[in-house]
């Protein structure tokens, strides 16, 4: 175990985050998301809520400053989105910026191009989020 890294960040996830370059995207999905269908680089985080993963990742991960760095799946027409899902993701990320809402099938297409997908144990409906990696500032 390493100091300063959340235990929810597995060695495979840590390696994936380190391999990503600026502009690369990672999907943190709910338990129902077809990650293996859309992306060959899919990791499992069964039993962990997406908010716990986001809270573990964000100290290690700079969000993109040049494009909207947080994207969530929008509900399909006629369905509703529980606003507490976005609220708990914002809290986990300590993020108060813009969150883009993306139509379901457009989100799937974006997931195909993402660097990786992490399928969490999240059970909230539309509990899928994409993070776009930025440039880590020089200390």
C-alpha atoms as a PDB file:
ATOM      1  CA  UNK A   1       0.000   0.000   0.000  1.00  0.00           C
ATOM      2  CA  UNK A   2       1.191   3.500  -0.810  1.00  0.00           C
ATOM      3  CA  UNK A   3       0.831   6.516   1.444  1.00  0.00           C
ATOM      4  CA  UNK A   4      -1.543   9.250   0.324  1.00  0.00           C
ATOM      5  CA  UNK A   5      -3.435   7.098  -2.192  1.00  0.00           C
ATOM      6  CA  UNK A   6      -6.977   6.090  -1.374  1.00  0.00           C
ATOM      7  CA  UNK A   7      -7.452   2.336  -0.933  1.00  0.00           C
ATOM      8  CA  UNK A   8     -10.324   2.502  -3.464  1.00  0.00           C
ATOM      9  CA  UNK A   9      -7.735   3.212  -6.177  1.00  0.00           C
ATOM     10  CA  UNK A  10      -6.563  -0.240  -7.236  1.00  0.00           C
ATOM     11  CA  UNK A  11      -3.075  -0.831  -8.644  1.00  0.00           C
ATOM     12  CA  UNK A  12      -4.592  -1.270 -12.129  1.00  0.00           C
ATOM     13  CA  UNK A  13      -6.525   1.990 -11.817  1.00  0.00           C
ATOM     14  CA  UNK A  14      -3.424   3.821 -10.556  1.00  0.00           C
ATOM     15  CA  UNK A  15      -1.447   2.512 -13.548  1.00  0.00           C
ATOM     16  CA  UNK A  16      -4.237   3.591 -15.916  1.00  0.00           C
ATOM     17  CA  UNK A  17      -4.376   7.102 -14.450  1.00  0.00           C
ATOM     18  CA  UNK A  18      -0.583   7.412 -14.736  1.00  0.00           C
ATOM     19  CA  UNK A  19      -0.632   6.299 -18.381  1.00  0.00           C
ATOM     20  CA  UNK A  20      -3.257   8.865 -19.393  1.00  0.00           C
ATOM     21  CA  UNK A  21      -2.105  12.067 -21.071  1.00  0.00           C
ATOM     22  CA  UNK A  22      -3.742  15.488 -21.050  1.00  0.00           C
ATOM     23  CA  UNK A  23      -7.009  15.426 -22.963  1.00  0.00           C
ATOM     24  CA  UNK A  24      -7.517  11.709 -22.353  1.00  0.00           C
ATOM     25  CA  UNK A  25     -10.823  10.753 -20.784  1.00  0.00           C
ATOM     26  CA  UNK A  26     -11.851   8.141 -18.260  1.00  0.00           C
ATOM     27  CA  UNK A  27     -15.404   6.921 -17.708  1.00  0.00           C
ATOM     28  CA  UNK A  28     -16.506   6.073 -14.186  1.00  0.00           C
ATOM     29  CA  UNK A  29     -19.696   4.161 -14.820  1.00  0.00           C
ATOM     30  CA  UNK A  30     -22.534   2.707 -12.864  1.00  0.00           C
ATOM     31  CA  UNK A  31     -22.837  -1.047 -12.376  1.00  0.00           C
ATOM     32  CA  UNK A  32     -25.222  -1.384 -15.335  1.00  0.00           C
ATOM     33  CA  UNK A  33     -22.975   0.284 -17.928  1.00  0.00           C
ATOM     34  CA  UNK A  34     -21.800  -2.004 -20.771  1.00  0.00           C
ATOM     35  CA  UNK A  35     -18.145  -1.038 -20.359  1.00  0.00           C
ATOM     36  CA  UNK A  36     -16.672  -4.192 -21.877  1.00  0.00           C
ATOM     37  CA  UNK A  37     -18.894  -3.736 -24.933  1.00  0.00           C
ATOM     38  CA  UNK A  38     -17.612  -0.237 -25.621  1.00  0.00           C
ATOM     39  CA  UNK A  39     -13.986  -0.177 -24.493  1.00  0.00           C
ATOM     40  CA  UNK A  40     -11.291  -2.856 -24.438  1.00  0.00           C
ATOM     41  CA  UNK A  41      -9.574  -1.114 -21.511  1.00  0.00           C
ATOM     42  CA  UNK A  42     -12.257  -1.707 -18.878  1.00  0.00           C
ATOM     43  CA  UNK A  43     -11.520  -2.104 -15.176  1.00  0.00           C
ATOM     44  CA  UNK A  44     -13.904  -3.365 -12.501  1.00  0.00           C
ATOM     45  CA  UNK A  45     -14.525  -1.686  -9.161  1.00  0.00           C
ATOM     46  CA  UNK A  46     -17.457  -3.779  -7.986  1.00  0.00           C
ATOM     47  CA  UNK A  47     -18.857  -2.833  -4.615  1.00  0.00           C
ATOM     48  CA  UNK A  48     -17.539   0.729  -4.752  1.00  0.00           C
ATOM     49  CA  UNK A  49     -19.804   3.708  -5.302  1.00  0.00           C
ATOM     50  CA  UNK A  50     -18.807   6.028  -8.131  1.00  0.00           C
ATOM     51  CA  UNK A  51     -18.545   8.889  -5.638  1.00  0.00           C
ATOM     52  CA  UNK A  52     -15.969   6.945  -3.592  1.00  0.00           C
ATOM     53  CA  UNK A  53     -13.920   6.335  -6.743  1.00  0.00           C
ATOM     54  CA  UNK A  54     -14.158   9.990  -7.761  1.00  0.00           C
ATOM     55  CA  UNK A  55     -13.010  11.087  -4.302  1.00  0.00           C
ATOM     56  CA  UNK A  56     -10.075   8.664  -4.515  1.00  0.00           C
ATOM     57  CA  UNK A  57      -9.090   9.709  -8.026  1.00  0.00           C
ATOM     58  CA  UNK A  58      -9.362  13.493  -7.859  1.00  0.00           C
ATOM     59  CA  UNK A  59      -6.317  14.103  -5.602  1.00  0.00           C
ATOM     60  CA  UNK A  60      -4.237  12.303  -8.271  1.00  0.00           C
ATOM     61  CA  UNK A  61      -5.882  13.740 -11.359  1.00  0.00           C
ATOM     62  CA  UNK A  62      -5.887  17.284 -12.758  1.00  0.00           C
ATOM     63  CA  UNK A  63      -9.094  18.188 -14.597  1.00  0.00           C
ATOM     64  CA  UNK A  64      -8.743  19.819 -18.022  1.00  0.00           C
ATOM     65  CA  UNK A  65      -8.773  23.615 -17.821  1.00  0.00           C
ATOM     66  CA  UNK A  66      -9.394  24.204 -21.545  1.00  0.00           C
ATOM     67  CA  UNK A  67     -12.569  22.180 -22.124  1.00  0.00           C
ATOM     68  CA  UNK A  68     -15.517  21.106 -19.987  1.00  0.00           C
ATOM     69  CA  UNK A  69     -13.786  18.387 -17.943  1.00  0.00           C
ATOM     70  CA  UNK A  70     -16.861  16.685 -16.453  1.00  0.00           C
ATOM     71  CA  UNK A  71     -19.585  15.042 -18.541  1.00  0.00           C
ATOM     72  CA  UNK A  72     -22.581  13.077 -17.298  1.00  0.00           C
ATOM     73  CA  UNK A  73     -25.148  10.986 -19.116  1.00  0.00           C
ATOM     74  CA  UNK A  74     -28.429  12.851 -19.589  1.00  0.00           C
ATOM     75  CA  UNK A  75     -31.709  11.051 -18.951  1.00  0.00           C
ATOM     76  CA  UNK A  76     -33.603   9.755 -21.972  1.00  0.00           C
ATOM     77  CA  UNK A  77     -36.674  11.817 -22.902  1.00  0.00           C
ATOM     78  CA  UNK A  78     -39.529  11.072 -20.528  1.00  0.00           C
ATOM     79  CA  UNK A  79     -37.198   9.855 -17.785  1.00  0.00           C
ATOM     80  CA  UNK A  80     -35.869  11.836 -14.844  1.00  0.00           C
ATOM     81  CA  UNK A  81     -32.457  12.290 -13.314  1.00  0.00           C
ATOM     82  CA  UNK A  82     -32.083  12.257  -9.546  1.00  0.00           C
ATOM     83  CA  UNK A  83     -30.301  15.568  -8.786  1.00  0.00           C
ATOM     84  CA  UNK A  84     -28.631  14.005  -5.753  1.00  0.00           C
ATOM     85  CA  UNK A  85     -26.426  11.922  -8.095  1.00  0.00           C
ATOM     86  CA  UNK A  86     -24.812  15.028  -9.591  1.00  0.00           C
ATOM     87  CA  UNK A  87     -24.614  16.614  -6.140  1.00  0.00           C
ATOM     88  CA  UNK A  88     -22.722  13.680  -4.633  1.00  0.00           C
ATOM     89  CA  UNK A  89     -20.352  13.566  -7.632  1.00  0.00           C
ATOM     90  CA  UNK A  90     -19.681  17.307  -7.319  1.00  0.00           C
ATOM     91  CA  UNK A  91     -18.974  16.867  -3.610  1.00  0.00           C
ATOM     92  CA  UNK A  92     -16.621  13.932  -4.233  1.00  0.00           C
ATOM     93  CA  UNK A  93     -14.749  15.897  -6.903  1.00  0.00           C
ATOM     94  CA  UNK A  94     -14.868  19.184  -4.954  1.00  0.00           C
ATOM     95  CA  UNK A  95     -16.013  20.649  -8.268  1.00  0.00           C
ATOM     96  CA  UNK A  96     -18.408  23.539  -8.821  1.00  0.00           C
ATOM     97  CA  UNK A  97     -17.796  24.117 -12.535  1.00  0.00           C
ATOM     98  CA  UNK A  98     -19.885  23.263 -15.569  1.00  0.00           C
ATOM     99  CA  UNK A  99     -21.035  19.673 -16.071  1.00  0.00           C
ATOM    100  CA  UNK A 100     -22.010  18.807 -19.625  1.00  0.00           C
ATOM    101  CA  UNK A 101     -25.083  16.589 -19.982  1.00  0.00           C
ATOM    102  CA  UNK A 102     -24.709  14.169 -22.896  1.00  0.00           C
ATOM    103  CA  UNK A 103     -27.423  12.146 -24.612  1.00  0.00           C
ATOM    104  CA  UNK A 104     -27.206   8.408 -23.870  1.00  0.00           C
ATOM    105  CA  UNK A 105     -26.025   7.170 -27.283  1.00  0.00           C
ATOM    106  CA  UNK A 106     -23.606  10.075 -27.703  1.00  0.00           C
ATOM    107  CA  UNK A 107     -22.219   9.157 -24.250  1.00  0.00           C
ATOM    108  CA  UNK A 108     -21.743   5.552 -25.458  1.00  0.00           C
ATOM    109  CA  UNK A 109     -19.829   6.806 -28.510  1.00  0.00           C
ATOM    110  CA  UNK A 110     -17.642   8.963 -26.271  1.00  0.00           C
ATOM    111  CA  UNK A 111     -16.985   5.964 -24.007  1.00  0.00           C
ATOM    112  CA  UNK A 112     -15.668   4.038 -27.024  1.00  0.00           C
ATOM    113  CA  UNK A 113     -13.010   6.726 -27.501  1.00  0.00           C
ATOM    114  CA  UNK A 114     -12.175   7.101 -23.793  1.00  0.00           C
ATOM    115  CA  UNK A 115      -8.796   5.949 -22.558  1.00  0.00           C
ATOM    116  CA  UNK A 116     -10.517   3.606 -20.110  1.00  0.00           C
ATOM    117  CA  UNK A 117     -13.800   2.708 -18.447  1.00  0.00           C
ATOM    118  CA  UNK A 118     -14.103   1.843 -14.765  1.00  0.00           C
ATOM    119  CA  UNK A 119     -17.308  -0.050 -13.998  1.00  0.00           C
ATOM    120  CA  UNK A 120     -18.169   0.764 -10.400  1.00  0.00           C
ATOM    121  CA  UNK A 121     -20.737  -0.761  -8.092  1.00  0.00           C
ATOM    122  CA  UNK A 122     -22.848   2.412  -8.375  1.00  0.00           C
ATOM    123  CA  UNK A 123     -26.564   1.600  -8.568  1.00  0.00           C
ATOM    124  CA  UNK A 124     -27.914   5.125  -9.126  1.00  0.00           C
ATOM    125  CA  UNK A 125     -29.723   5.528 -12.430  1.00  0.00           C
ATOM    126  CA  UNK A 126     -27.600   7.541 -14.908  1.00  0.00           C
ATOM    127  CA  UNK A 127     -24.648   7.281 -12.525  1.00  0.00           C
ATOM    128  CA  UNK A 128     -22.124   7.586 -15.373  1.00  0.00           C
ATOM    129  CA  UNK A 129     -19.501  10.312 -15.567  1.00  0.00           C
ATOM    130  CA  UNK A 130     -16.530  11.144 -17.772  1.00  0.00           C
ATOM    131  CA  UNK A 131     -13.465  13.027 -16.551  1.00  0.00           C
ATOM    132  CA  UNK A 132     -11.100  14.745 -18.996  1.00  0.00           C
ATOM    133  CA  UNK A 133      -7.529  14.854 -17.767  1.00  0.00           C
ATOM    134  CA  UNK A 134      -5.649  18.118 -17.751  1.00  0.00           C
ATOM    135  CA  UNK A 135      -2.016  19.104 -17.354  1.00  0.00           C
ATOM    136  CA  UNK A 136      -0.538  18.626 -13.912  1.00  0.00           C
ATOM    137  CA  UNK A 137       0.878  21.951 -12.726  1.00  0.00           C
ATOM    138  CA  UNK A 138       4.563  22.164 -11.925  1.00  0.00           C
ATOM    139  CA  UNK A 139       5.139  22.555  -8.194  1.00  0.00           C
END
